[in-house]
Amino acid sequence: MSRRIVLASSNPGKLREFRALLADQGFELVAQGEFGIDATEEPHPTFLENALAKARYAAAISRLPALADDSGLCVSALQGEPGVRSARFAGAGANDSANNAELLRRLSGQVDRTAHYTCVLVALRADDDPEPLVADARWSGELLHEARGGGGFGYDPLFFVPECGCTAAELATDAKNRLSHRGRALRELAHRLSSWR
């Protein structure tokens, strides 16, 4: 029997990745939008604080266990930016194209193109759960000067993975889920979720 858990996100790309990665764990992942839950504010300076706030908010409204992530791209030459502001790097309501254009603008003339994705996941049994499950992971790469590939989302078309010789947007879904920051963090979390009662 599957256990329902609400995903505290409205991002369709994240929903696809999370559903694929949790399919074998006995969880039915339900998007927060199915409960009429809007995105909550992400005012905190760290991925952990934002993920925890999102999970608590979704759990309180849905009355279900909740799973939230906060993730983003941290660029060495930009002192870790865009970081927690990755989804709105080009301003409130910005889309992936605008954020990628802003990133390329800010990196113009920079020699150091190293970057990493960070993902922090939080799972709660209820909004007042005193023992949230937390998992995190990083995925290192380099940023190209122009986009390549039509898969993925966010900064994936610019994020070059040296060991694969391609961008994250050029990877097959299974390969991306195996290598990515979100995939690694979710596998760690899924292992711990199996002990939930």
N, C-alpha and C. Protein backbone atom coordinates (compact mmCIF):
# COMPACT_ATOMS: atom_id res chain seq x y z
N MET A 1 0.84 -1.18 0.00
CA MET A 1 0.00 0.00 0.00
C MET A 1 0.89 1.24 0.00
N SER A 2 0.58 2.21 -0.88
CA SER A 2 1.41 3.39 -0.97
C SER A 2 1.06 4.39 0.13
N ARG A 3 2.05 5.14 0.53
CA ARG A 3 1.87 6.19 1.53
C ARG A 3 1.94 7.52 0.81
N ARG A 4 0.98 8.39 1.08
CA ARG A 4 0.94 9.68 0.40
C ARG A 4 1.88 10.67 1.09
N ILE A 5 2.55 11.44 0.29
CA ILE A 5 3.44 12.49 0.80
C ILE A 5 3.32 13.66 -0.17
N VAL A 6 3.16 14.86 0.38
CA VAL A 6 2.99 16.04 -0.47
C VAL A 6 4.35 16.63 -0.77
N LEU A 7 4.57 16.95 -2.06
CA LEU A 7 5.80 17.62 -2.47
C LEU A 7 5.57 19.12 -2.40
N ALA A 8 6.34 19.79 -1.57
CA ALA A 8 6.20 21.23 -1.37
C ALA A 8 6.90 21.99 -2.49
N SER A 9 6.37 21.81 -3.71
CA SER A 9 6.91 22.49 -4.87
C SER A 9 5.85 22.52 -5.96
N SER A 10 5.91 23.52 -6.79
CA SER A 10 5.04 23.59 -7.96
C SER A 10 5.85 23.43 -9.24
N ASN A 11 7.13 23.09 -9.10
CA ASN A 11 8.02 22.95 -10.24
C ASN A 11 7.79 21.60 -10.92
N PRO A 12 7.29 21.59 -12.17
CA PRO A 12 7.00 20.32 -12.83
C PRO A 12 8.24 19.46 -13.06
N GLY A 13 9.40 20.09 -13.27
CA GLY A 13 10.63 19.33 -13.44
C GLY A 13 11.01 18.58 -12.18
N LYS A 14 10.89 19.24 -11.04
CA LYS A 14 11.18 18.56 -9.76
C LYS A 14 10.18 17.45 -9.50
N LEU A 15 8.91 17.69 -9.79
CA LEU A 15 7.89 16.67 -9.57
C LEU A 15 8.19 15.42 -10.37
N ARG A 16 8.58 15.58 -11.64
CA ARG A 16 8.93 14.42 -12.48
C ARG A 16 10.11 13.67 -11.89
N GLU A 17 11.16 14.40 -11.50
CA GLU A 17 12.35 13.75 -10.96
C GLU A 17 12.04 13.02 -9.65
N PHE A 18 11.30 13.67 -8.77
CA PHE A 18 11.00 13.06 -7.48
C PHE A 18 10.11 11.84 -7.64
N ARG A 19 9.11 11.92 -8.50
CA ARG A 19 8.23 10.76 -8.71
C ARG A 19 9.04 9.57 -9.24
N ALA A 20 9.93 9.83 -10.19
CA ALA A 20 10.74 8.75 -10.76
C ALA A 20 11.64 8.13 -9.69
N LEU A 21 12.21 8.97 -8.83
CA LEU A 21 13.15 8.47 -7.83
C LEU A 21 12.47 7.81 -6.63
N LEU A 22 11.20 8.14 -6.38
CA LEU A 22 10.49 7.54 -5.24
C LEU A 22 9.53 6.42 -5.65
N ALA A 23 9.46 6.14 -6.94
CA ALA A 23 8.49 5.16 -7.45
C ALA A 23 8.61 3.80 -6.77
N ASP A 24 9.82 3.39 -6.46
CA ASP A 24 10.03 2.06 -5.86
C ASP A 24 10.02 2.07 -4.34
N GLN A 25 9.77 3.21 -3.74
CA GLN A 25 9.84 3.32 -2.27
C GLN A 25 8.49 3.20 -1.58
N GLY A 26 7.41 3.01 -2.35
CA GLY A 26 6.10 2.85 -1.73
C GLY A 26 5.42 4.16 -1.37
N PHE A 27 5.86 5.26 -1.98
CA PHE A 27 5.25 6.55 -1.71
C PHE A 27 4.48 7.05 -2.92
N GLU A 28 3.31 7.61 -2.67
CA GLU A 28 2.57 8.30 -3.71
C GLU A 28 2.83 9.79 -3.52
N LEU A 29 3.59 10.36 -4.44
CA LEU A 29 3.96 11.77 -4.34
C LEU A 29 2.87 12.63 -4.95
N VAL A 30 2.34 13.56 -4.16
CA VAL A 30 1.26 14.43 -4.59
C VAL A 30 1.77 15.87 -4.60
N ALA A 31 1.57 16.56 -5.71
CA ALA A 31 2.02 17.96 -5.80
C ALA A 31 1.18 18.84 -4.89
N GLN A 32 1.81 19.84 -4.29
CA GLN A 32 1.09 20.71 -3.37
C GLN A 32 -0.06 21.45 -4.06
N GLY A 33 0.04 21.67 -5.36
CA GLY A 33 -1.02 22.35 -6.10
C GLY A 33 -2.34 21.58 -6.07
N GLU A 34 -2.27 20.26 -5.91
CA GLU A 34 -3.50 19.47 -5.84
C GLU A 34 -4.29 19.75 -4.57
N PHE A 35 -3.65 20.38 -3.60
CA PHE A 35 -4.32 20.79 -2.37
C PHE A 35 -4.61 22.29 -2.35
N GLY A 36 -4.34 22.94 -3.47
CA GLY A 36 -4.53 24.38 -3.54
C GLY A 36 -3.48 25.15 -2.76
N ILE A 37 -2.34 24.52 -2.53
CA ILE A 37 -1.27 25.17 -1.77
C ILE A 37 -0.38 25.96 -2.72
N ASP A 38 -0.28 27.25 -2.48
CA ASP A 38 0.59 28.11 -3.27
C ASP A 38 2.02 28.02 -2.72
N ALA A 39 2.96 28.45 -3.55
CA ALA A 39 4.35 28.48 -3.10
C ALA A 39 4.48 29.42 -1.91
N THR A 40 5.26 29.00 -0.94
CA THR A 40 5.50 29.84 0.23
C THR A 40 6.73 30.71 0.01
N GLU A 41 6.89 31.68 0.84
CA GLU A 41 8.07 32.55 0.75
C GLU A 41 9.34 31.75 1.05
N GLU A 42 10.44 32.18 0.46
CA GLU A 42 11.75 31.58 0.72
C GLU A 42 12.71 32.70 1.13
N PRO A 43 12.49 33.26 2.32
CA PRO A 43 13.26 34.45 2.72
C PRO A 43 14.60 34.15 3.36
N HIS A 44 14.89 32.90 3.59
CA HIS A 44 16.06 32.55 4.40
C HIS A 44 17.35 32.54 3.58
N PRO A 45 18.48 32.72 4.23
CA PRO A 45 19.76 32.76 3.51
C PRO A 45 20.37 31.39 3.24
N THR A 46 19.77 30.31 3.78
CA THR A 46 20.33 28.98 3.57
C THR A 46 19.31 28.04 2.93
N PHE A 47 19.83 27.06 2.20
CA PHE A 47 18.98 26.05 1.58
C PHE A 47 18.19 25.28 2.64
N LEU A 48 18.84 24.94 3.76
CA LEU A 48 18.19 24.16 4.81
C LEU A 48 16.99 24.90 5.39
N GLU A 49 17.16 26.16 5.73
CA GLU A 49 16.05 26.91 6.33
C GLU A 49 14.87 27.03 5.37
N ASN A 50 15.16 27.27 4.10
CA ASN A 50 14.08 27.39 3.12
C ASN A 50 13.34 26.07 2.92
N ALA A 51 14.09 24.97 2.84
CA ALA A 51 13.46 23.66 2.66
C ALA A 51 12.57 23.32 3.86
N LEU A 52 13.05 23.58 5.04
CA LEU A 52 12.28 23.29 6.25
C LEU A 52 11.00 24.14 6.29
N ALA A 53 11.11 25.40 5.95
CA ALA A 53 9.92 26.28 5.94
C ALA A 53 8.89 25.79 4.94
N LYS A 54 9.34 25.38 3.76
CA LYS A 54 8.40 24.89 2.73
C LYS A 54 7.73 23.60 3.17
N ALA A 55 8.50 22.69 3.76
CA ALA A 55 7.92 21.42 4.20
C ALA A 55 6.89 21.64 5.31
N ARG A 56 7.21 22.49 6.27
CA ARG A 56 6.26 22.75 7.37
C ARG A 56 4.96 23.37 6.84
N TYR A 57 5.08 24.29 5.93
CA TYR A 57 3.92 24.97 5.35
C TYR A 57 3.01 23.97 4.62
N ALA A 58 3.60 23.13 3.77
CA ALA A 58 2.81 22.14 3.00
C ALA A 58 2.18 21.10 3.92
N ALA A 59 2.91 20.66 4.94
CA ALA A 59 2.37 19.67 5.87
C ALA A 59 1.22 20.25 6.68
N ALA A 60 1.33 21.50 7.09
CA ALA A 60 0.27 22.13 7.89
C ALA A 60 -1.03 22.24 7.12
N ILE A 61 -0.95 22.60 5.85
CA ILE A 61 -2.17 22.79 5.06
C ILE A 61 -2.74 21.46 4.58
N SER A 62 -1.87 20.55 4.12
CA SER A 62 -2.35 19.28 3.55
C SER A 62 -2.71 18.25 4.61
N ARG A 63 -2.16 18.39 5.83
CA ARG A 63 -2.31 17.39 6.90
C ARG A 63 -1.71 16.05 6.49
N LEU A 64 -0.69 16.10 5.64
CA LEU A 64 0.03 14.92 5.20
C LEU A 64 1.52 15.10 5.51
N PRO A 65 2.27 14.00 5.51
CA PRO A 65 3.72 14.16 5.52
C PRO A 65 4.14 15.00 4.32
N ALA A 66 5.24 15.71 4.45
CA ALA A 66 5.67 16.59 3.37
C ALA A 66 7.15 16.41 3.08
N LEU A 67 7.47 16.63 1.81
CA LEU A 67 8.84 16.58 1.33
C LEU A 67 9.11 17.91 0.62
N ALA A 68 10.21 18.54 0.96
CA ALA A 68 10.58 19.80 0.31
C ALA A 68 12.06 19.79 0.01
N ASP A 69 12.42 20.51 -1.03
CA ASP A 69 13.84 20.72 -1.28
C ASP A 69 14.08 22.20 -1.50
N ASP A 70 15.27 22.59 -1.24
CA ASP A 70 15.74 23.87 -1.72
C ASP A 70 17.06 23.56 -2.39
N SER A 71 17.17 24.00 -3.61
CA SER A 71 18.36 23.68 -4.36
C SER A 71 18.71 24.85 -5.25
N GLY A 72 19.93 24.87 -5.70
CA GLY A 72 20.35 25.95 -6.56
C GLY A 72 21.76 25.76 -7.03
N LEU A 73 22.16 26.71 -7.86
CA LEU A 73 23.48 26.70 -8.46
C LEU A 73 24.38 27.68 -7.71
N CYS A 74 25.54 27.20 -7.31
CA CYS A 74 26.51 28.05 -6.61
C CYS A 74 27.75 28.19 -7.50
N VAL A 75 28.05 29.42 -7.88
CA VAL A 75 29.11 29.69 -8.85
C VAL A 75 30.32 30.30 -8.15
N SER A 76 31.47 29.69 -8.33
CA SER A 76 32.68 30.13 -7.63
C SER A 76 33.01 31.59 -7.90
N ALA A 77 32.99 32.00 -9.17
CA ALA A 77 33.38 33.37 -9.54
C ALA A 77 32.38 34.41 -9.04
N LEU A 78 31.19 33.97 -8.65
CA LEU A 78 30.16 34.89 -8.15
C LEU A 78 29.98 34.74 -6.65
N GLN A 79 30.99 34.22 -5.97
CA GLN A 79 30.97 34.05 -4.52
C GLN A 79 29.74 33.26 -4.04
N GLY A 80 29.39 32.23 -4.80
CA GLY A 80 28.28 31.35 -4.41
C GLY A 80 26.93 31.74 -4.97
N GLU A 81 26.84 32.86 -5.64
CA GLU A 81 25.56 33.21 -6.28
C GLU A 81 25.35 32.33 -7.50
N PRO A 82 24.13 32.14 -7.94
CA PRO A 82 22.88 32.67 -7.40
C PRO A 82 22.38 31.98 -6.13
N GLY A 83 22.90 30.79 -5.80
CA GLY A 83 22.56 30.15 -4.53
C GLY A 83 21.08 30.00 -4.30
N VAL A 84 20.62 30.46 -3.13
CA VAL A 84 19.19 30.30 -2.79
C VAL A 84 18.30 31.15 -3.69
N ARG A 85 18.88 32.07 -4.46
CA ARG A 85 18.11 32.91 -5.38
C ARG A 85 18.12 32.37 -6.80
N SER A 86 18.51 31.11 -6.99
CA SER A 86 18.67 30.56 -8.33
C SER A 86 17.42 30.69 -9.19
N ALA A 87 16.25 30.45 -8.63
CA ALA A 87 15.01 30.48 -9.41
C ALA A 87 14.57 31.91 -9.76
N ARG A 88 15.13 32.89 -9.07
CA ARG A 88 14.74 34.29 -9.31
C ARG A 88 15.97 35.18 -9.50
N PHE A 89 17.01 34.63 -10.08
CA PHE A 89 18.27 35.35 -10.26
C PHE A 89 18.09 36.59 -11.12
N ALA A 90 17.23 36.49 -12.12
CA ALA A 90 16.99 37.63 -13.01
C ALA A 90 15.83 38.49 -12.53
N GLY A 91 15.33 38.22 -11.33
CA GLY A 91 14.23 39.01 -10.78
C GLY A 91 13.03 38.14 -10.47
N ALA A 92 12.10 38.68 -9.71
CA ALA A 92 10.89 37.95 -9.33
C ALA A 92 10.13 37.54 -10.59
N GLY A 93 9.69 36.28 -10.62
CA GLY A 93 8.92 35.77 -11.76
C GLY A 93 9.76 35.43 -12.97
N ALA A 94 11.08 35.46 -12.85
CA ALA A 94 11.95 35.16 -13.99
C ALA A 94 11.81 33.69 -14.38
N ASN A 95 11.96 33.42 -15.68
CA ASN A 95 11.93 32.04 -16.16
C ASN A 95 13.35 31.54 -16.38
N ASP A 96 13.47 30.27 -16.78
CA ASP A 96 14.79 29.67 -16.94
C ASP A 96 15.65 30.44 -17.95
N SER A 97 15.03 30.86 -19.06
CA SER A 97 15.80 31.58 -20.10
C SER A 97 16.38 32.88 -19.55
N ALA A 98 15.57 33.62 -18.81
CA ALA A 98 16.02 34.89 -18.24
C ALA A 98 17.13 34.67 -17.22
N ASN A 99 16.97 33.64 -16.38
CA ASN A 99 18.00 33.34 -15.38
C ASN A 99 19.31 32.92 -16.02
N ASN A 100 19.22 32.11 -17.07
CA ASN A 100 20.44 31.69 -17.78
C ASN A 100 21.12 32.88 -18.44
N ALA A 101 20.33 33.78 -19.03
CA ALA A 101 20.90 34.97 -19.67
C ALA A 101 21.59 35.86 -18.64
N GLU A 102 20.98 36.01 -17.46
CA GLU A 102 21.59 36.81 -16.40
C GLU A 102 22.89 36.17 -15.92
N LEU A 103 22.89 34.85 -15.81
CA LEU A 103 24.11 34.16 -15.38
C LEU A 103 25.24 34.39 -16.38
N LEU A 104 24.94 34.25 -17.67
CA LEU A 104 25.96 34.46 -18.70
C LEU A 104 26.45 35.91 -18.69
N ARG A 105 25.55 36.84 -18.47
CA ARG A 105 25.93 38.25 -18.40
C ARG A 105 26.90 38.49 -17.24
N ARG A 106 26.58 37.92 -16.09
CA ARG A 106 27.41 38.12 -14.89
C ARG A 106 28.78 37.41 -15.02
N LEU A 107 28.82 36.35 -15.81
CA LEU A 107 30.07 35.60 -15.98
C LEU A 107 30.92 36.10 -17.15
N SER A 108 30.43 37.09 -17.86
CA SER A 108 31.16 37.62 -19.01
C SER A 108 32.57 38.04 -18.59
N GLY A 109 33.57 37.49 -19.29
CA GLY A 109 34.95 37.81 -19.00
C GLY A 109 35.58 37.02 -17.87
N GLN A 110 34.81 36.19 -17.20
CA GLN A 110 35.35 35.38 -16.10
C GLN A 110 36.06 34.14 -16.64
N VAL A 111 37.22 33.87 -16.11
CA VAL A 111 37.97 32.67 -16.51
C VAL A 111 37.51 31.46 -15.71
N ASP A 112 37.29 31.66 -14.42
CA ASP A 112 36.85 30.56 -13.55
C ASP A 112 35.38 30.29 -13.81
N ARG A 113 35.07 29.12 -14.38
CA ARG A 113 33.68 28.76 -14.71
C ARG A 113 33.20 27.60 -13.84
N THR A 114 33.90 27.31 -12.74
CA THR A 114 33.48 26.19 -11.89
C THR A 114 32.22 26.55 -11.11
N ALA A 115 31.41 25.54 -10.89
CA ALA A 115 30.15 25.73 -10.17
C ALA A 115 29.70 24.38 -9.63
N HIS A 116 28.76 24.42 -8.72
CA HIS A 116 28.13 23.17 -8.29
C HIS A 116 26.67 23.44 -7.96
N TYR A 117 25.87 22.43 -8.21
CA TYR A 117 24.49 22.42 -7.76
C TYR A 117 24.49 21.90 -6.31
N THR A 118 23.64 22.47 -5.48
CA THR A 118 23.42 21.98 -4.12
C THR A 118 21.94 21.66 -3.96
N CYS A 119 21.65 20.57 -3.27
CA CYS A 119 20.26 20.22 -2.95
C CYS A 119 20.19 19.84 -1.48
N VAL A 120 19.23 20.44 -0.78
CA VAL A 120 18.92 20.05 0.60
C VAL A 120 17.46 19.61 0.63
N LEU A 121 17.23 18.39 1.09
CA LEU A 121 15.88 17.83 1.19
C LEU A 121 15.48 17.71 2.65
N VAL A 122 14.21 17.98 2.90
CA VAL A 122 13.64 17.84 4.24
C VAL A 122 12.34 17.06 4.13
N ALA A 123 12.16 16.06 4.96
CA ALA A 123 10.90 15.32 5.04
C ALA A 123 10.37 15.40 6.47
N LEU A 124 9.07 15.65 6.58
CA LEU A 124 8.40 15.78 7.88
C LEU A 124 7.20 14.85 7.93
N ARG A 125 6.94 14.25 9.07
CA ARG A 125 5.72 13.46 9.26
C ARG A 125 4.52 14.39 9.42
N ALA A 126 4.74 15.56 10.03
CA ALA A 126 3.70 16.56 10.27
C ALA A 126 4.40 17.90 10.41
N ASP A 127 3.62 18.98 10.40
CA ASP A 127 4.24 20.30 10.42
C ASP A 127 5.01 20.57 11.71
N ASP A 128 4.66 19.87 12.80
CA ASP A 128 5.38 20.08 14.05
C ASP A 128 6.35 18.94 14.38
N ASP A 129 6.72 18.16 13.37
CA ASP A 129 7.65 17.05 13.56
C ASP A 129 8.96 17.57 14.16
N PRO A 130 9.35 17.10 15.35
CA PRO A 130 10.58 17.60 15.97
C PRO A 130 11.84 16.94 15.41
N GLU A 131 11.65 15.89 14.57
CA GLU A 131 12.79 15.17 14.02
C GLU A 131 12.71 15.09 12.50
N PRO A 132 12.87 16.22 11.82
CA PRO A 132 12.82 16.17 10.35
C PRO A 132 13.98 15.34 9.81
N LEU A 133 13.71 14.63 8.73
CA LEU A 133 14.78 13.93 8.03
C LEU A 133 15.42 14.92 7.07
N VAL A 134 16.74 14.97 7.05
CA VAL A 134 17.46 15.92 6.19
C VAL A 134 18.52 15.17 5.41
N ALA A 135 18.62 15.49 4.13
CA ALA A 135 19.67 14.93 3.28
C ALA A 135 20.15 16.03 2.34
N ASP A 136 21.43 15.99 1.99
CA ASP A 136 21.93 16.99 1.07
C ASP A 136 23.01 16.38 0.18
N ALA A 137 23.24 17.02 -0.96
CA ALA A 137 24.26 16.55 -1.90
C ALA A 137 24.67 17.69 -2.82
N ARG A 138 25.85 17.54 -3.41
CA ARG A 138 26.37 18.49 -4.39
C ARG A 138 26.66 17.78 -5.70
N TRP A 139 26.64 18.56 -6.79
CA TRP A 139 27.01 18.05 -8.12
C TRP A 139 27.91 19.09 -8.76
N SER A 140 29.17 18.77 -8.96
CA SER A 140 30.14 19.74 -9.48
C SER A 140 30.24 19.71 -10.99
N GLY A 141 30.50 20.88 -11.57
CA GLY A 141 30.66 20.98 -13.01
C GLY A 141 31.27 22.31 -13.40
N GLU A 142 31.10 22.66 -14.68
CA GLU A 142 31.62 23.91 -15.22
C GLU A 142 30.52 24.56 -16.05
N LEU A 143 30.58 25.87 -16.16
CA LEU A 143 29.55 26.59 -16.91
C LEU A 143 30.07 26.95 -18.30
N LEU A 144 29.26 26.62 -19.29
CA LEU A 144 29.62 26.92 -20.68
C LEU A 144 29.30 28.38 -21.00
N HIS A 145 29.71 28.80 -22.19
CA HIS A 145 29.44 30.16 -22.65
C HIS A 145 28.12 30.25 -23.41
N GLU A 146 27.56 29.11 -23.76
CA GLU A 146 26.25 29.09 -24.41
C GLU A 146 25.53 27.79 -24.10
N ALA A 147 24.21 27.83 -24.17
CA ALA A 147 23.38 26.68 -23.80
C ALA A 147 23.53 25.53 -24.79
N ARG A 148 23.44 24.30 -24.25
CA ARG A 148 23.46 23.09 -25.06
C ARG A 148 22.48 22.09 -24.49
N GLY A 149 21.63 21.53 -25.35
CA GLY A 149 20.72 20.47 -24.94
C GLY A 149 19.33 20.98 -24.62
N GLY A 150 18.36 20.10 -24.79
CA GLY A 150 16.96 20.49 -24.59
C GLY A 150 16.30 19.81 -23.41
N GLY A 151 17.02 19.02 -22.65
CA GLY A 151 16.43 18.34 -21.51
C GLY A 151 16.64 19.11 -20.23
N GLY A 152 16.18 18.53 -19.14
CA GLY A 152 16.37 19.14 -17.84
C GLY A 152 15.60 20.43 -17.68
N PHE A 153 16.06 21.26 -16.75
CA PHE A 153 15.42 22.56 -16.52
C PHE A 153 16.42 23.43 -15.77
N GLY A 154 16.06 24.65 -15.49
CA GLY A 154 16.95 25.55 -14.77
C GLY A 154 18.21 25.84 -15.56
N TYR A 155 19.34 25.69 -14.91
CA TYR A 155 20.64 26.00 -15.52
C TYR A 155 21.26 24.81 -16.24
N ASP A 156 20.52 23.72 -16.37
CA ASP A 156 21.06 22.49 -16.96
C ASP A 156 21.71 22.68 -18.33
N PRO A 157 21.17 23.54 -19.23
CA PRO A 157 21.82 23.70 -20.54
C PRO A 157 23.21 24.35 -20.48
N LEU A 158 23.53 25.01 -19.39
CA LEU A 158 24.84 25.65 -19.24
C LEU A 158 25.79 24.83 -18.36
N PHE A 159 25.24 23.84 -17.65
CA PHE A 159 26.01 23.09 -16.65
C PHE A 159 26.67 21.89 -17.30
N PHE A 160 27.97 22.01 -17.56
CA PHE A 160 28.74 20.96 -18.23
C PHE A 160 29.29 19.99 -17.20
N VAL A 161 29.09 18.70 -17.45
CA VAL A 161 29.53 17.64 -16.55
C VAL A 161 30.76 16.98 -17.17
N PRO A 162 31.96 17.32 -16.71
CA PRO A 162 33.18 16.84 -17.37
C PRO A 162 33.27 15.33 -17.54
N GLU A 163 32.86 14.57 -16.51
CA GLU A 163 33.00 13.11 -16.62
C GLU A 163 32.07 12.50 -17.67
N CYS A 164 31.05 13.25 -18.07
CA CYS A 164 30.12 12.76 -19.09
C CYS A 164 30.37 13.40 -20.46
N GLY A 165 31.10 14.50 -20.48
CA GLY A 165 31.39 15.18 -21.73
C GLY A 165 30.19 15.88 -22.33
N CYS A 166 29.21 16.23 -21.50
CA CYS A 166 28.01 16.89 -22.00
C CYS A 166 27.39 17.73 -20.88
N THR A 167 26.37 18.49 -21.25
CA THR A 167 25.67 19.27 -20.23
C THR A 167 24.62 18.41 -19.54
N ALA A 168 24.14 18.89 -18.40
CA ALA A 168 23.05 18.19 -17.70
C ALA A 168 21.81 18.11 -18.58
N ALA A 169 21.63 19.09 -19.46
CA ALA A 169 20.46 19.10 -20.36
C ALA A 169 20.61 18.10 -21.50
N GLU A 170 21.80 17.56 -21.70
CA GLU A 170 22.02 16.56 -22.75
C GLU A 170 22.01 15.13 -22.20
N LEU A 171 21.93 14.99 -20.90
CA LEU A 171 21.90 13.66 -20.29
C LEU A 171 20.52 13.03 -20.41
N ALA A 172 20.48 11.72 -20.57
CA ALA A 172 19.21 10.99 -20.48
C ALA A 172 18.69 11.12 -19.06
N THR A 173 17.38 11.05 -18.89
CA THR A 173 16.77 11.24 -17.58
C THR A 173 17.35 10.30 -16.54
N ASP A 174 17.49 9.03 -16.87
CA ASP A 174 18.03 8.06 -15.92
C ASP A 174 19.44 8.42 -15.49
N ALA A 175 20.26 8.85 -16.45
CA ALA A 175 21.64 9.22 -16.13
C ALA A 175 21.67 10.46 -15.24
N LYS A 176 20.83 11.43 -15.55
CA LYS A 176 20.80 12.63 -14.73
C LYS A 176 20.36 12.30 -13.31
N ASN A 177 19.32 11.48 -13.18
CA ASN A 177 18.83 11.11 -11.84
C ASN A 177 19.90 10.36 -11.04
N ARG A 178 20.75 9.63 -11.71
CA ARG A 178 21.80 8.88 -11.03
C ARG A 178 22.92 9.81 -10.55
N LEU A 179 23.24 10.83 -11.35
CA LEU A 179 24.39 11.68 -11.08
C LEU A 179 24.08 12.95 -10.30
N SER A 180 22.89 13.46 -10.43
CA SER A 180 22.59 14.81 -9.96
C SER A 180 22.57 14.95 -8.44
N HIS A 181 22.71 16.19 -8.01
CA HIS A 181 22.60 16.57 -6.61
C HIS A 181 21.28 16.12 -6.03
N ARG A 182 20.20 16.33 -6.77
CA ARG A 182 18.86 15.97 -6.28
C ARG A 182 18.70 14.46 -6.22
N GLY A 183 19.19 13.77 -7.23
CA GLY A 183 19.10 12.32 -7.25
C GLY A 183 19.85 11.68 -6.10
N ARG A 184 21.06 12.17 -5.84
CA ARG A 184 21.86 11.60 -4.75
C ARG A 184 21.25 11.90 -3.38
N ALA A 185 20.77 13.15 -3.21
CA ALA A 185 20.15 13.50 -1.93
C ALA A 185 18.86 12.70 -1.71
N LEU A 186 18.09 12.52 -2.78
CA LEU A 186 16.83 11.80 -2.63
C LEU A 186 17.05 10.32 -2.37
N ARG A 187 18.07 9.72 -2.96
CA ARG A 187 18.36 8.31 -2.65
C ARG A 187 18.73 8.15 -1.18
N GLU A 188 19.51 9.09 -0.66
CA GLU A 188 19.86 9.04 0.76
C GLU A 188 18.61 9.19 1.62
N LEU A 189 17.76 10.15 1.25
CA LEU A 189 16.55 10.39 2.03
C LEU A 189 15.59 9.21 1.91
N ALA A 190 15.45 8.66 0.72
CA ALA A 190 14.52 7.54 0.50
C ALA A 190 14.90 6.35 1.37
N HIS A 191 16.19 6.11 1.51
CA HIS A 191 16.65 5.00 2.37
C HIS A 191 16.17 5.23 3.80
N ARG A 192 16.23 6.46 4.26
CA ARG A 192 15.81 6.77 5.63
C ARG A 192 14.28 6.81 5.74
N LEU A 193 13.60 7.19 4.66
CA LEU A 193 12.13 7.20 4.68
C LEU A 193 11.55 5.81 4.87
N SER A 194 12.31 4.80 4.45
CA SER A 194 11.81 3.42 4.55
C SER A 194 11.56 3.02 6.00
N SER A 195 12.15 3.75 6.95
CA SER A 195 11.94 3.43 8.37
C SER A 195 10.77 4.19 8.97
N TRP A 196 10.16 5.09 8.21
CA TRP A 196 9.00 5.84 8.71
C TRP A 196 7.84 4.92 9.01
N ARG A 197 7.11 5.17 10.07
CA ARG A 197 5.90 4.39 10.40
C ARG A 197 4.70 5.32 10.38
